[in-house]
Amino acid sequence: MTIAEVAHVHGVHAKTIRRMIARGDLEAVRLGPRLIRVNRASLDASGGPYRALTGR
């Protein structure tokens, strides 16, 4: 999934998803200089951005 798709589905800003990738909370793959795809398995494992941010 793209960063924008993940952000839209979970109701957070794309910058939040980028921060989670940078922290290592989500796995992502870079497919070129600007294209990033988020691993769905890591998104499911984290419980979504809200759970990863709050620990709830």
PDB file of N, CA and C in Angstrom:
ATOM      1  N   MET A   1       0.843  -1.173   0.000  1.00  0.00           N
ATOM      2  CA  MET A   1       0.000   0.000   0.000  1.00  0.00           C
ATOM      3  C   MET A   1       0.893   1.243   0.000  1.00  0.00           C
ATOM      4  N   THR A   2       0.395   2.302  -0.576  1.00  0.00           N
ATOM      5  CA  THR A   2       1.161   3.544  -0.556  1.00  0.00           C
ATOM      6  C   THR A   2       1.004   4.215   0.802  1.00  0.00           C
ATOM      7  N   ILE A   3       1.874   5.157   1.085  1.00  0.00           N
ATOM      8  CA  ILE A   3       1.793   5.905   2.329  1.00  0.00           C
ATOM      9  C   ILE A   3       0.461   6.647   2.410  1.00  0.00           C
ATOM     10  N   ALA A   4       0.032   7.233   1.303  1.00  0.00           N
ATOM     11  CA  ALA A   4      -1.239   7.971   1.281  1.00  0.00           C
ATOM     12  C   ALA A   4      -2.420   7.044   1.551  1.00  0.00           C
ATOM     13  N   GLU A   5      -2.403   5.845   0.985  1.00  0.00           N
ATOM     14  CA  GLU A   5      -3.489   4.891   1.206  1.00  0.00           C
ATOM     15  C   GLU A   5      -3.561   4.465   2.672  1.00  0.00           C
ATOM     16  N   VAL A   6      -2.420   4.163   3.254  1.00  0.00           N
ATOM     17  CA  VAL A   6      -2.380   3.752   4.659  1.00  0.00           C
ATOM     18  C   VAL A   6      -2.886   4.882   5.549  1.00  0.00           C
ATOM     19  N   ALA A   7      -2.438   6.087   5.283  1.00  0.00           N
ATOM     20  CA  ALA A   7      -2.872   7.245   6.081  1.00  0.00           C
ATOM     21  C   ALA A   7      -4.375   7.450   5.964  1.00  0.00           C
ATOM     22  N   HIS A   8      -4.908   7.342   4.772  1.00  0.00           N
ATOM     23  CA  HIS A   8      -6.343   7.534   4.548  1.00  0.00           C
ATOM     24  C   HIS A   8      -7.165   6.480   5.278  1.00  0.00           C
ATOM     25  N   VAL A   9      -6.773   5.228   5.147  1.00  0.00           N
ATOM     26  CA  VAL A   9      -7.510   4.127   5.760  1.00  0.00           C
ATOM     27  C   VAL A   9      -7.534   4.260   7.285  1.00  0.00           C
ATOM     28  N   HIS A  10      -6.423   4.715   7.861  1.00  0.00           N
ATOM     29  CA  HIS A  10      -6.324   4.787   9.322  1.00  0.00           C
ATOM     30  C   HIS A  10      -6.625   6.171   9.888  1.00  0.00           C
ATOM     31  N   GLY A  11      -6.937   7.114   9.020  1.00  0.00           N
ATOM     32  CA  GLY A  11      -7.349   8.433   9.483  1.00  0.00           C
ATOM     33  C   GLY A  11      -6.248   9.251  10.127  1.00  0.00           C
ATOM     34  N   VAL A  12      -5.038   9.085   9.640  1.00  0.00           N
ATOM     35  CA  VAL A  12      -3.907   9.876  10.139  1.00  0.00           C
ATOM     36  C   VAL A  12      -3.246  10.567   8.957  1.00  0.00           C
ATOM     37  N   HIS A  13      -2.341  11.471   9.247  1.00  0.00           N
ATOM     38  CA  HIS A  13      -1.631  12.199   8.205  1.00  0.00           C
ATOM     39  C   HIS A  13      -0.507  11.331   7.646  1.00  0.00           C
ATOM     40  N   ALA A  14      -0.157  11.556   6.410  1.00  0.00           N
ATOM     41  CA  ALA A  14       0.930  10.805   5.763  1.00  0.00           C
ATOM     42  C   ALA A  14       2.249  10.974   6.512  1.00  0.00           C
ATOM     43  N   LYS A  15       2.454  12.143   7.120  1.00  0.00           N
ATOM     44  CA  LYS A  15       3.693  12.352   7.886  1.00  0.00           C
ATOM     45  C   LYS A  15       3.772  11.392   9.069  1.00  0.00           C
ATOM     46  N   THR A  16       2.624  11.055   9.656  1.00  0.00           N
ATOM     47  CA  THR A  16       2.598  10.096  10.760  1.00  0.00           C
ATOM     48  C   THR A  16       3.089   8.741  10.282  1.00  0.00           C
ATOM     49  N   ILE A  17       2.636   8.320   9.128  1.00  0.00           N
ATOM     50  CA  ILE A  17       3.074   7.036   8.574  1.00  0.00           C
ATOM     51  C   ILE A  17       4.564   7.082   8.262  1.00  0.00           C
ATOM     52  N   ARG A  18       5.030   8.183   7.699  1.00  0.00           N
ATOM     53  CA  ARG A  18       6.473   8.319   7.411  1.00  0.00           C
ATOM     54  C   ARG A  18       7.299   8.244   8.695  1.00  0.00           C
ATOM     55  N   ARG A  19       6.824   8.867   9.768  1.00  0.00           N
ATOM     56  CA  ARG A  19       7.530   8.807  11.049  1.00  0.00           C
ATOM     57  C   ARG A  19       7.584   7.382  11.582  1.00  0.00           C
ATOM     58  N   MET A  20       6.470   6.666  11.443  1.00  0.00           N
ATOM     59  CA  MET A  20       6.435   5.276  11.907  1.00  0.00           C
ATOM     60  C   MET A  20       7.406   4.410  11.128  1.00  0.00           C
ATOM     61  N   ILE A  21       7.542   4.664   9.837  1.00  0.00           N
ATOM     62  CA  ILE A  21       8.521   3.931   9.023  1.00  0.00           C
ATOM     63  C   ILE A  21       9.934   4.270   9.487  1.00  0.00           C
ATOM     64  N   ALA A  22      10.198   5.542   9.723  1.00  0.00           N
ATOM     65  CA  ALA A  22      11.538   5.975  10.156  1.00  0.00           C
ATOM     66  C   ALA A  22      11.909   5.376  11.509  1.00  0.00           C
ATOM     67  N   ARG A  23      10.930   5.249  12.412  1.00  0.00           N
ATOM     68  CA  ARG A  23      11.177   4.670  13.737  1.00  0.00           C
ATOM     69  C   ARG A  23      11.322   3.160  13.692  1.00  0.00           C
ATOM     70  N   GLY A  24      10.849   2.547  12.599  1.00  0.00           N
ATOM     71  CA  GLY A  24      10.907   1.101  12.488  1.00  0.00           C
ATOM     72  C   GLY A  24       9.634   0.423  12.946  1.00  0.00           C
ATOM     73  N   ASP A  25       8.577   1.187  13.220  1.00  0.00           N
ATOM     74  CA  ASP A  25       7.298   0.611  13.629  1.00  0.00           C
ATOM     75  C   ASP A  25       6.587  -0.070  12.470  1.00  0.00           C
ATOM     76  N   LEU A  26       6.836   0.400  11.255  1.00  0.00           N
ATOM     77  CA  LEU A  26       6.260  -0.196  10.048  1.00  0.00           C
ATOM     78  C   LEU A  26       7.375  -0.538   9.080  1.00  0.00           C
ATOM     79  N   GLU A  27       7.225  -1.667   8.408  1.00  0.00           N
ATOM     80  CA  GLU A  27       8.182  -2.042   7.367  1.00  0.00           C
ATOM     81  C   GLU A  27       7.716  -1.460   6.044  1.00  0.00           C
ATOM     82  N   ALA A  28       8.645  -0.931   5.295  1.00  0.00           N
ATOM     83  CA  ALA A  28       8.326  -0.371   3.987  1.00  0.00           C
ATOM     84  C   ALA A  28       9.461  -0.678   3.024  1.00  0.00           C
ATOM     85  N   VAL A  29       9.124  -0.657   1.747  1.00  0.00           N
ATOM     86  CA  VAL A  29      10.094  -0.931   0.695  1.00  0.00           C
ATOM     87  C   VAL A  29      10.137   0.271  -0.235  1.00  0.00           C
ATOM     88  N   ARG A  30      11.342   0.725  -0.533  1.00  0.00           N
ATOM     89  CA  ARG A  30      11.512   1.825  -1.487  1.00  0.00           C
ATOM     90  C   ARG A  30      11.684   1.225  -2.878  1.00  0.00           C
ATOM     91  N   LEU A  31      10.818   1.656  -3.799  1.00  0.00           N
ATOM     92  CA  LEU A  31      10.845   1.143  -5.164  1.00  0.00           C
ATOM     93  C   LEU A  31      11.222   2.257  -6.128  1.00  0.00           C
ATOM     94  N   GLY A  32      12.366   2.834  -5.915  1.00  0.00           N
ATOM     95  CA  GLY A  32      12.796   3.956  -6.734  1.00  0.00           C
ATOM     96  C   GLY A  32      13.054   5.161  -5.847  1.00  0.00           C
ATOM     97  N   PRO A  33      13.385   6.275  -6.438  1.00  0.00           N
ATOM     98  CA  PRO A  33      13.756   7.446  -5.643  1.00  0.00           C
ATOM     99  C   PRO A  33      12.598   8.059  -4.853  1.00  0.00           C
ATOM    100  N   ARG A  34      11.344   7.875  -5.316  1.00  0.00           N
ATOM    101  CA  ARG A  34      10.221   8.517  -4.637  1.00  0.00           C
ATOM    102  C   ARG A  34       9.102   7.565  -4.236  1.00  0.00           C
ATOM    103  N   LEU A  35       9.163   6.331  -4.677  1.00  0.00           N
ATOM    104  CA  LEU A  35       8.073   5.387  -4.477  1.00  0.00           C
ATOM    105  C   LEU A  35       8.327   4.510  -3.258  1.00  0.00           C
ATOM    106  N   ILE A  36       7.418   4.566  -2.278  1.00  0.00           N
ATOM    107  CA  ILE A  36       7.536   3.768  -1.062  1.00  0.00           C
ATOM    108  C   ILE A  36       6.250   2.985  -0.885  1.00  0.00           C
ATOM    109  N   ARG A  37       6.370   1.707  -0.563  1.00  0.00           N
ATOM    110  CA  ARG A  37       5.213   0.852  -0.302  1.00  0.00           C
ATOM    111  C   ARG A  37       5.322   0.290   1.108  1.00  0.00           C
ATOM    112  N   VAL A  38       4.211   0.333   1.831  1.00  0.00           N
ATOM    113  CA  VAL A  38       4.166  -0.171   3.202  1.00  0.00           C
ATOM    114  C   VAL A  38       3.777  -1.639   3.166  1.00  0.00           C
ATOM    115  N   ASN A  39       4.470  -2.439   3.932  1.00  0.00           N
ATOM    116  CA  ASN A  39       4.207  -3.868   4.040  1.00  0.00           C
ATOM    117  C   ASN A  39       2.914  -4.068   4.831  1.00  0.00           C
ATOM    118  N   ARG A  40       1.907  -4.695   4.217  1.00  0.00           N
ATOM    119  CA  ARG A  40       0.614  -4.897   4.887  1.00  0.00           C
ATOM    120  C   ARG A  40       0.729  -5.767   6.119  1.00  0.00           C
ATOM    121  N   ALA A  41       1.604  -6.758   6.089  1.00  0.00           N
ATOM    122  CA  ALA A  41       1.771  -7.642   7.240  1.00  0.00           C
ATOM    123  C   ALA A  41       2.271  -6.852   8.449  1.00  0.00           C
ATOM    124  N   SER A  42       3.198  -5.917   8.247  1.00  0.00           N
ATOM    125  CA  SER A  42       3.696  -5.130   9.371  1.00  0.00           C
ATOM    126  C   SER A  42       2.634  -4.158   9.864  1.00  0.00           C
ATOM    127  N   LEU A  43       1.790  -3.674   8.965  1.00  0.00           N
ATOM    128  CA  LEU A  43       0.694  -2.783   9.359  1.00  0.00           C
ATOM    129  C   LEU A  43      -0.314  -3.543  10.205  1.00  0.00           C
ATOM    130  N   ASP A  44      -0.663  -4.754   9.798  1.00  0.00           N
ATOM    131  CA  ASP A  44      -1.591  -5.577  10.567  1.00  0.00           C
ATOM    132  C   ASP A  44      -0.995  -5.947  11.920  1.00  0.00           C
ATOM    133  N   ALA A  45       0.297  -6.257  11.942  1.00  0.00           N
ATOM    134  CA  ALA A  45       0.957  -6.649  13.186  1.00  0.00           C
ATOM    135  C   ALA A  45       1.027  -5.499  14.184  1.00  0.00           C
ATOM    136  N   SER A  46       1.160  -4.278  13.687  1.00  0.00           N
ATOM    137  CA  SER A  46       1.262  -3.133  14.591  1.00  0.00           C
ATOM    138  C   SER A  46      -0.094  -2.746  15.162  1.00  0.00           C
ATOM    139  N   GLY A  47      -1.182  -3.207  14.550  1.00  0.00           N
ATOM    140  CA  GLY A  47      -2.509  -2.835  15.005  1.00  0.00           C
ATOM    141  C   GLY A  47      -2.951  -1.494  14.473  1.00  0.00           C
ATOM    142  N   GLY A  48      -2.198  -0.927  13.556  1.00  0.00           N
ATOM    143  CA  GLY A  48      -2.543   0.360  12.971  1.00  0.00           C
ATOM    144  C   GLY A  48      -1.786   1.496  13.631  1.00  0.00           C
ATOM    145  N   PRO A  49      -1.793   2.642  13.023  1.00  0.00           N
ATOM    146  CA  PRO A  49      -1.022   3.781  13.528  1.00  0.00           C
ATOM    147  C   PRO A  49      -1.429   4.225  14.936  1.00  0.00           C
ATOM    148  N   TYR A  50      -2.726   4.241  15.230  1.00  0.00           N
ATOM    149  CA  TYR A  50      -3.151   4.727  16.556  1.00  0.00           C
ATOM    150  C   TYR A  50      -2.599   3.838  17.654  1.00  0.00           C
ATOM    151  N   ARG A  51      -2.704   2.541  17.471  1.00  0.00           N
ATOM    152  CA  ARG A  51      -2.206   1.615  18.487  1.00  0.00           C
ATOM    153  C   ARG A  51      -0.684   1.740  18.639  1.00  0.00           C
ATOM    154  N   ALA A  52       0.029   1.877  17.542  1.00  0.00           N
ATOM    155  CA  ALA A  52       1.484   1.993  17.606  1.00  0.00           C
ATOM    156  C   ALA A  52       1.917   3.278  18.297  1.00  0.00           C
ATOM    157  N   LEU A  53       1.143   4.343  18.140  1.00  0.00           N
ATOM    158  CA  LEU A  53       1.506   5.628  18.748  1.00  0.00           C
ATOM    159  C   LEU A  53       1.179   5.673  20.229  1.00  0.00           C
ATOM    160  N   THR A  54       0.049   5.070  20.627  1.00  0.00           N
ATOM    161  CA  THR A  54      -0.412   5.180  22.011  1.00  0.00           C
ATOM    162  C   THR A  54      -0.108   3.959  22.852  1.00  0.00           C
ATOM    163  N   GLY A  55       0.152   2.841  22.193  1.00  0.00           N
ATOM    164  CA  GLY A  55       0.388   1.594  22.928  1.00  0.00           C
ATOM    165  C   GLY A  55      -0.893   0.949  23.413  1.00  0.00           C
ATOM    166  N   ARG A  56      -2.039   1.408  22.927  1.00  0.00           N
ATOM    167  CA  ARG A  56      -3.331   0.847  23.361  1.00  0.00           C
ATOM    168  C   ARG A  56      -3.821  -0.190  22.397  1.00  0.00           C
TER     169      ARG A  56
END
